[in-house]
Amino acid sequence: MVVVPLRSKKSRAAVGVPVIDLSLERSKLCESITKACQEFGFFQVENHGISSDIISRVEMEGLDFFSKPACHKQRAGPPSPFGYGCKNIGFNGDKGDLEYLLMEANPHSIAERSKSISTDPTKFSCAVNDYTEAVRKLACEILEMVAEGLWVPDKSIFSDLIKDVNSDSCFRINHYPPSLNDHISIDDDNNNWINNNIDNNPKPGQLFDNINNNHSTTKTRIGFGEHSDPQILTILRSNNVGGLQILSRDGLWIPIPPDSDKFCVFVGDAFQAMTNGRFVSVRHRAMANSVKPRTSMMYFAAPPLNACITPIPQLVSIENPCMYRPFTWGEFKTTAYSLRLADHRLDLFKKQHIV
């Protein structure tokens, strides 16, 4: 049977997912980042200034925790919602397998949580605090450049929400166990997924399909199902194992190759509302069809619970009327976590839903 690559280097390059060099001249950066938020709701950044030491320390702490016996890990759970979790997620196509650590992104909370996570809580909390502070600064820098790109007079209108001492930002480490499957292998040159039973004409919204033949039926496994993030921005980094996919506007799943020198940036639902739909929160998922475990770290940049989320005045006009009613982040967060993973949460806050 012929083995067909799912995405070749050529097809990946043709996709044009933005990679933005943060060492470039600022006006060009503001324009490029704003364009990426509008067209993709996603981009990668390089030359971000976060040291490899800060990254490697928190990665090692995460790997050390997930390698421990279940009885040790369970001391950090069950999540409520913070702590250690290990579960099979959701229904209606959002099913997946993973274990994770979720923490509030503030030093006091991390220090307290570390006591149940690590045998050396000071080392763990220092590593996580250094990392979350570095990516928080990166998120704020990006948000300020977006404000400049939108020609908003107050350049800190978005970043101040993240800098607020009561910011509801959080930090999560996901660990996807390997899925050993005789039908799946990895092309080490570019981390492409190769499947002996691939549907070369996927339907919109799917990259793989179930393939029936005379011998077997195979299906790639979802690690974390299709969703958008509810917060303002997400800053993600993963180990050198593929799996992240974003959904394009034409309904195709685009694999994002892992790169140790880059961070991934996602527009969240709250940012979509604040920009009056000019930016669209990108839908994405993680596939766990690797013979190697995949680990990813996410910083979810969120405002305080009592912050009012509403389109900024500069993006509302007669031609572009206000799309969303005002709501607090706490109200939206409560709604978001009461729904299924793949639901379009913001639809409930559109103005036509007001009775």
Protein backbone atom coordinates (compact mmCIF):
# COMPACT_ATOMS: atom_id res chain seq x y z
CA MET A 1 0.00 0.00 0.00
CA VAL A 2 1.29 3.44 -0.89
CA VAL A 3 2.08 5.76 2.01
CA VAL A 4 0.84 9.30 1.28
CA PRO A 5 2.08 12.30 3.33
CA LEU A 6 -0.76 14.22 4.93
CA ARG A 7 0.92 17.59 4.45
CA SER A 8 4.10 18.03 2.46
CA LYS A 9 6.61 20.83 3.06
CA LYS A 10 5.33 22.47 -0.09
CA SER A 11 1.68 22.41 0.99
CA ARG A 12 2.56 23.73 4.43
CA ALA A 13 4.44 26.66 2.98
CA ALA A 14 1.47 27.41 0.73
CA VAL A 15 -0.88 27.67 3.71
CA GLY A 16 0.82 30.92 4.75
CA VAL A 17 0.24 30.76 8.50
CA PRO A 18 1.93 33.95 9.76
CA VAL A 19 5.31 33.76 11.49
CA ILE A 20 6.23 37.18 12.92
CA ASP A 21 9.77 38.21 13.84
CA LEU A 22 9.48 40.43 16.92
CA SER A 23 12.91 41.96 16.28
CA LEU A 24 11.58 43.87 13.25
CA GLU A 25 10.78 47.57 13.16
CA ARG A 26 7.76 48.35 15.37
CA SER A 27 5.44 49.90 12.79
CA LYS A 28 5.84 46.83 10.58
CA LEU A 29 5.19 44.60 13.58
CA CYS A 30 1.99 46.42 14.50
CA GLU A 31 0.72 46.06 10.96
CA SER A 32 1.71 42.38 10.64
CA ILE A 33 0.24 41.34 14.00
CA THR A 34 -3.04 43.17 13.38
CA LYS A 35 -3.34 41.59 9.94
CA ALA A 36 -2.66 38.12 11.35
CA CYS A 37 -5.34 38.61 14.04
CA GLN A 38 -7.84 39.65 11.37
CA GLU A 39 -7.08 36.97 8.77
CA PHE A 40 -6.20 33.95 10.91
CA GLY A 41 -6.85 34.71 14.58
CA PHE A 42 -3.49 32.98 15.02
CA PHE A 43 0.22 33.53 14.41
CA GLN A 44 3.61 32.39 15.62
CA VAL A 45 6.32 34.66 17.00
CA GLU A 46 10.09 34.27 16.88
CA ASN A 47 12.87 36.35 18.45
CA HIS A 48 10.49 36.87 21.36
CA GLY A 49 13.19 37.50 23.95
CA ILE A 50 12.17 34.75 26.40
CA SER A 51 15.31 32.89 27.43
CA SER A 52 15.75 29.18 26.81
CA ASP A 53 16.58 28.76 30.52
CA ILE A 54 13.17 30.07 31.62
CA ILE A 55 11.48 27.76 29.10
CA SER A 56 13.51 24.63 29.85
CA ARG A 57 13.11 24.95 33.64
CA VAL A 58 9.31 24.92 33.54
CA GLU A 59 9.26 22.20 30.87
CA MET A 60 11.44 19.96 33.04
CA GLU A 61 9.21 20.55 36.05
CA GLY A 62 6.17 19.56 34.01
CA LEU A 63 7.81 16.44 32.60
CA ASP A 64 9.00 15.43 36.06
CA PHE A 65 5.45 15.70 37.44
CA PHE A 66 3.75 13.75 34.64
CA SER A 67 6.35 10.97 34.85
CA LYS A 68 5.44 10.23 38.48
CA PRO A 69 3.10 7.41 39.55
CA ALA A 70 -0.63 8.13 39.46
CA CYS A 71 -0.88 8.04 43.26
CA HIS A 72 1.59 10.94 43.49
CA LYS A 73 -0.13 13.01 40.79
CA GLN A 74 -3.55 12.51 42.33
CA ARG A 75 -2.40 14.38 45.45
CA ALA A 76 -2.59 17.55 43.30
CA GLY A 77 -6.20 16.84 42.33
CA PRO A 78 -9.04 16.58 41.75
CA PRO A 79 -9.27 19.90 39.89
CA SER A 80 -11.75 22.40 41.28
CA PRO A 81 -11.04 23.81 38.72
CA PHE A 82 -7.35 24.24 39.56
CA GLY A 83 -5.00 21.34 40.20
CA TYR A 84 -4.32 18.03 38.47
CA GLY A 85 -6.83 16.43 36.15
CA CYS A 86 -6.83 13.32 34.01
CA LYS A 87 -9.88 12.70 31.93
CA ASN A 88 -11.71 11.88 28.76
CA ILE A 89 -13.26 15.12 27.49
CA GLY A 90 -16.77 15.82 26.37
CA PHE A 91 -19.14 14.56 23.71
CA ASN A 92 -20.23 15.38 20.16
CA GLY A 93 -16.79 15.11 18.60
CA ASP A 94 -14.90 16.94 21.35
CA LYS A 95 -13.73 13.74 22.98
CA GLY A 96 -10.08 13.26 23.85
CA ASP A 97 -7.52 11.95 26.31
CA LEU A 98 -5.10 14.01 28.36
CA GLU A 99 -3.80 14.82 31.81
CA TYR A 100 -3.08 18.35 32.90
CA LEU A 101 -2.12 20.85 35.57
CA LEU A 102 -4.10 24.08 35.80
CA MET A 103 -3.01 26.99 38.00
CA GLU A 104 -3.94 30.60 38.58
CA ALA A 105 -1.16 32.74 37.13
CA ASN A 106 -0.22 34.65 40.26
CA PRO A 107 2.76 33.99 42.56
CA HIS A 108 0.81 33.36 45.77
CA SER A 109 -1.56 30.85 44.18
CA ILE A 110 1.27 29.06 42.38
CA ALA A 111 3.30 28.81 45.61
CA GLU A 112 0.34 27.25 47.43
CA ARG A 113 -0.50 24.87 44.58
CA SER A 114 3.16 23.77 44.28
CA LYS A 115 3.02 22.15 47.72
CA SER A 116 0.77 19.38 46.39
CA ILE A 117 2.50 19.12 43.02
CA SER A 118 6.21 18.88 43.74
CA THR A 119 8.53 17.44 46.36
CA ASP A 120 10.49 20.67 45.88
CA PRO A 121 7.69 23.25 45.79
CA THR A 122 10.04 26.25 45.87
CA LYS A 123 11.86 25.06 42.76
CA PHE A 124 8.59 24.32 40.97
CA SER A 125 6.93 27.62 41.87
CA CYS A 126 10.01 29.66 40.92
CA ALA A 127 10.14 27.97 37.50
CA VAL A 128 6.42 28.52 36.85
CA ASN A 129 6.43 32.11 38.14
CA ASP A 130 9.42 33.07 36.00
CA TYR A 131 7.74 31.57 32.93
CA THR A 132 4.29 33.08 33.48
CA GLU A 133 5.79 36.51 34.12
CA ALA A 134 7.81 36.28 30.88
CA VAL A 135 4.83 35.23 28.74
CA ARG A 136 2.59 37.80 30.45
CA LYS A 137 5.01 40.52 29.34
CA LEU A 138 5.00 39.03 25.84
CA ALA A 139 1.18 39.02 25.78
CA CYS A 140 1.07 42.66 26.93
CA GLU A 141 3.61 43.68 24.31
CA ILE A 142 1.54 42.01 21.59
CA LEU A 143 -1.68 43.62 22.84
CA GLU A 144 -0.09 47.07 22.83
CA MET A 145 1.13 46.58 19.27
CA VAL A 146 -2.37 45.49 18.27
CA ALA A 147 -3.78 48.71 19.76
CA GLU A 148 -1.27 50.68 17.70
CA GLY A 149 -2.17 48.68 14.60
CA LEU A 150 -5.85 49.53 15.15
CA TRP A 151 -5.00 53.21 15.67
CA VAL A 152 -6.54 53.20 19.14
CA PRO A 153 -5.46 56.32 21.11
CA ASP A 154 -4.98 54.40 24.39
CA LYS A 155 -2.25 51.88 23.53
CA SER A 156 -2.71 50.06 26.85
CA ILE A 157 -6.48 49.59 26.56
CA PHE A 158 -6.07 45.81 26.16
CA SER A 159 -2.83 45.18 28.07
CA ASP A 160 -4.01 46.96 31.22
CA LEU A 161 -6.59 44.20 31.67
CA ILE A 162 -3.77 41.63 31.83
CA LYS A 163 -1.52 43.78 34.02
CA ASP A 164 -4.30 44.30 36.56
CA VAL A 165 -3.46 42.73 39.92
CA ASN A 166 -6.82 40.96 39.81
CA SER A 167 -6.31 39.53 36.33
CA ASP A 168 -7.94 36.11 35.99
CA SER A 169 -5.12 34.77 33.81
CA CYS A 170 -4.14 31.14 34.28
CA PHE A 171 -1.42 28.69 33.28
CA ARG A 172 -1.96 25.15 32.07
CA ILE A 173 0.31 22.26 31.16
CA ASN A 174 -1.25 19.51 29.03
CA HIS A 175 0.26 16.07 28.64
CA TYR A 176 -0.99 13.78 25.86
CA PRO A 177 0.08 10.14 26.19
CA PRO A 178 1.30 8.45 23.01
CA SER A 179 -1.11 6.55 20.81
CA LEU A 180 0.62 3.48 19.45
CA ASN A 181 -0.98 2.58 16.12
CA ASP A 182 0.49 0.37 13.45
CA HIS A 183 -1.12 2.55 10.78
CA ILE A 184 0.58 5.77 11.86
CA SER A 185 4.20 6.83 11.58
CA ILE A 186 6.18 10.06 11.64
CA ASP A 187 8.25 11.69 8.93
CA ASP A 188 11.14 12.97 11.06
CA ASP A 189 12.19 15.58 8.53
CA ASN A 190 9.12 17.77 9.04
CA ASN A 191 7.01 15.93 11.64
CA ASN A 192 4.29 15.21 9.08
CA TRP A 193 1.71 12.63 10.00
CA ILE A 194 1.62 9.76 7.55
CA ASN A 195 -1.28 7.32 7.48
CA ASN A 196 -1.57 4.27 5.30
CA ASN A 197 -5.34 4.82 5.09
CA ILE A 198 -5.72 8.54 4.41
CA ASP A 199 -8.70 10.19 2.80
CA ASN A 200 -7.04 12.61 0.38
CA ASN A 201 -10.23 14.68 0.00
CA PRO A 202 -11.25 15.60 3.56
CA LYS A 203 -14.59 17.25 4.20
CA PRO A 204 -14.68 20.82 5.58
CA GLY A 205 -13.75 20.89 9.25
CA GLN A 206 -11.79 17.67 9.17
CA LEU A 207 -8.30 16.68 8.21
CA PHE A 208 -8.69 12.93 8.57
CA ASP A 209 -11.63 10.68 7.90
CA ASN A 210 -12.54 7.17 8.93
CA ILE A 211 -11.42 4.87 6.17
CA ASN A 212 -13.06 1.49 5.65
CA ASN A 213 -11.35 -1.14 3.61
CA ASN A 214 -11.33 -4.92 3.47
CA HIS A 215 -8.83 -5.20 6.27
CA SER A 216 -9.27 -2.47 8.89
CA THR A 217 -10.80 0.78 10.02
CA THR A 218 -8.55 3.47 11.51
CA LYS A 219 -9.24 6.82 13.07
CA THR A 220 -6.77 9.35 14.37
CA ARG A 221 -7.25 10.16 18.03
CA ILE A 222 -8.14 13.60 19.31
CA GLY A 223 -6.21 14.73 22.37
CA PHE A 224 -8.21 17.92 22.91
CA GLY A 225 -11.25 18.58 20.77
CA GLU A 226 -12.21 21.51 18.55
CA HIS A 227 -12.70 24.74 20.50
CA SER A 228 -11.83 28.40 20.79
CA ASP A 229 -10.31 29.91 23.92
CA PRO A 230 -12.60 32.21 25.93
CA GLN A 231 -9.88 34.59 27.17
CA ILE A 232 -8.25 37.57 25.40
CA LEU A 233 -5.08 35.87 24.17
CA THR A 234 -3.44 32.48 24.56
CA ILE A 235 0.35 32.04 24.37
CA LEU A 236 1.24 28.40 23.68
CA ARG A 237 4.44 26.42 23.47
CA SER A 238 4.77 22.67 22.90
CA ASN A 239 7.58 20.16 22.89
CA ASN A 240 8.93 18.95 19.55
CA VAL A 241 5.98 16.68 18.86
CA GLY A 242 3.30 17.65 16.35
CA GLY A 243 -0.44 17.64 16.99
CA LEU A 244 -1.70 21.24 17.07
CA GLN A 245 -4.13 22.12 14.27
CA ILE A 246 -6.03 25.32 13.52
CA LEU A 247 -9.23 25.56 11.50
CA SER A 248 -8.95 27.72 8.39
CA ARG A 249 -11.76 29.96 7.19
CA ASP A 250 -12.48 27.52 4.37
CA GLY A 251 -13.05 24.73 6.86
CA LEU A 252 -9.79 22.77 6.60
CA TRP A 253 -7.59 21.73 9.50
CA ILE A 254 -4.05 23.12 9.18
CA PRO A 255 -1.28 21.30 11.09
CA ILE A 256 1.12 23.64 12.90
CA PRO A 257 4.60 22.10 12.95
CA PRO A 258 6.30 22.34 16.37
CA ASP A 259 9.26 24.69 16.62
CA SER A 260 11.30 25.16 19.79
CA ASP A 261 12.15 28.74 18.78
CA LYS A 262 8.56 29.96 18.42
CA PHE A 263 5.46 30.65 20.49
CA CYS A 264 1.93 30.30 19.14
CA VAL A 265 -0.53 33.15 19.75
CA PHE A 266 -4.32 32.64 19.60
CA VAL A 267 -7.03 35.29 19.53
CA GLY A 268 -9.65 34.46 22.18
CA ASP A 269 -13.40 35.03 22.38
CA ALA A 270 -13.08 38.08 24.65
CA PHE A 271 -10.73 39.74 22.14
CA GLN A 272 -13.20 39.02 19.34
CA ALA A 273 -15.90 40.82 21.33
CA MET A 274 -13.65 43.77 22.21
CA THR A 275 -12.73 44.26 18.55
CA ASN A 276 -16.40 44.02 17.50
CA GLY A 277 -15.74 40.91 15.44
CA ARG A 278 -12.84 42.40 13.51
CA PHE A 279 -10.64 39.71 15.04
CA VAL A 280 -12.08 36.19 15.16
CA SER A 281 -11.12 33.70 17.84
CA VAL A 282 -9.47 30.80 16.06
CA ARG A 283 -10.86 27.30 16.48
CA HIS A 284 -8.18 24.71 17.12
CA ARG A 285 -7.58 21.21 18.45
CA ALA A 286 -4.77 18.87 19.43
CA MET A 287 -4.28 15.44 17.91
CA ALA A 288 -2.74 12.72 20.06
CA ASN A 289 -1.79 10.38 17.23
CA SER A 290 1.92 10.34 18.01
CA VAL A 291 4.19 7.51 19.03
CA LYS A 292 5.72 10.08 21.38
CA PRO A 293 4.04 11.93 24.26
CA ARG A 294 3.15 15.56 23.56
CA THR A 295 3.36 18.29 26.17
CA SER A 296 2.06 21.83 25.70
CA MET A 297 2.06 24.88 27.98
CA MET A 298 -0.57 27.60 27.70
CA TYR A 299 -0.78 31.02 29.28
CA PHE A 300 -4.38 32.25 29.08
CA ALA A 301 -4.36 36.05 29.31
CA ALA A 302 -7.64 37.11 30.93
CA PRO A 303 -9.07 40.28 32.51
CA PRO A 304 -10.37 40.59 36.08
CA LEU A 305 -13.71 38.89 36.72
CA ASN A 306 -15.51 42.22 37.08
CA ALA A 307 -14.01 43.73 33.90
CA CYS A 308 -16.60 44.86 31.36
CA ILE A 309 -16.12 43.30 27.94
CA THR A 310 -17.59 45.45 25.18
CA PRO A 311 -16.49 46.56 21.71
CA ILE A 312 -14.13 49.55 21.92
CA PRO A 313 -15.68 52.76 20.52
CA GLN A 314 -13.12 53.14 17.72
CA LEU A 315 -14.38 49.91 16.09
CA VAL A 316 -18.08 50.74 16.25
CA SER A 317 -19.78 52.86 13.58
CA ILE A 318 -22.93 53.13 11.49
CA GLU A 319 -21.29 50.82 8.95
CA ASN A 320 -20.06 48.47 11.72
CA PRO A 321 -22.70 48.51 14.47
CA CYS A 322 -21.99 47.01 17.87
CA MET A 323 -22.26 43.22 17.58
CA TYR A 324 -22.19 42.24 21.26
CA ARG A 325 -23.98 43.39 24.38
CA PRO A 326 -21.73 44.39 27.30
CA PHE A 327 -20.87 41.58 29.72
CA THR A 328 -18.39 40.99 32.49
CA TRP A 329 -15.57 38.50 32.11
CA GLY A 330 -17.00 36.60 35.08
CA GLU A 331 -20.39 36.33 33.36
CA PHE A 332 -18.84 35.11 30.12
CA LYS A 333 -16.54 32.67 31.90
CA THR A 334 -19.45 31.12 33.79
CA THR A 335 -21.38 30.72 30.55
CA ALA A 336 -18.38 29.37 28.65
CA TYR A 337 -17.69 26.59 31.13
CA SER A 338 -21.34 25.57 31.29
CA LEU A 339 -21.35 24.73 27.57
CA ARG A 340 -19.80 21.96 25.54
CA LEU A 341 -16.23 22.39 24.41
CA ALA A 342 -17.05 22.96 20.72
CA ASP A 343 -19.96 25.38 21.25
CA HIS A 344 -19.78 28.92 19.84
CA ARG A 345 -20.11 30.78 23.15
CA LEU A 346 -20.09 34.33 21.82
CA ASP A 347 -23.26 33.70 19.82
CA LEU A 348 -25.19 33.91 23.10
CA PHE A 349 -23.92 37.47 23.63
CA LYS A 350 -24.74 38.87 20.21
CA LYS A 351 -27.20 41.75 20.30
CA GLN A 352 -29.90 39.86 18.43
CA HIS A 353 -30.12 37.51 21.42
CA ILE A 354 -31.40 40.32 23.65
CA VAL A 355 -35.13 39.94 24.21
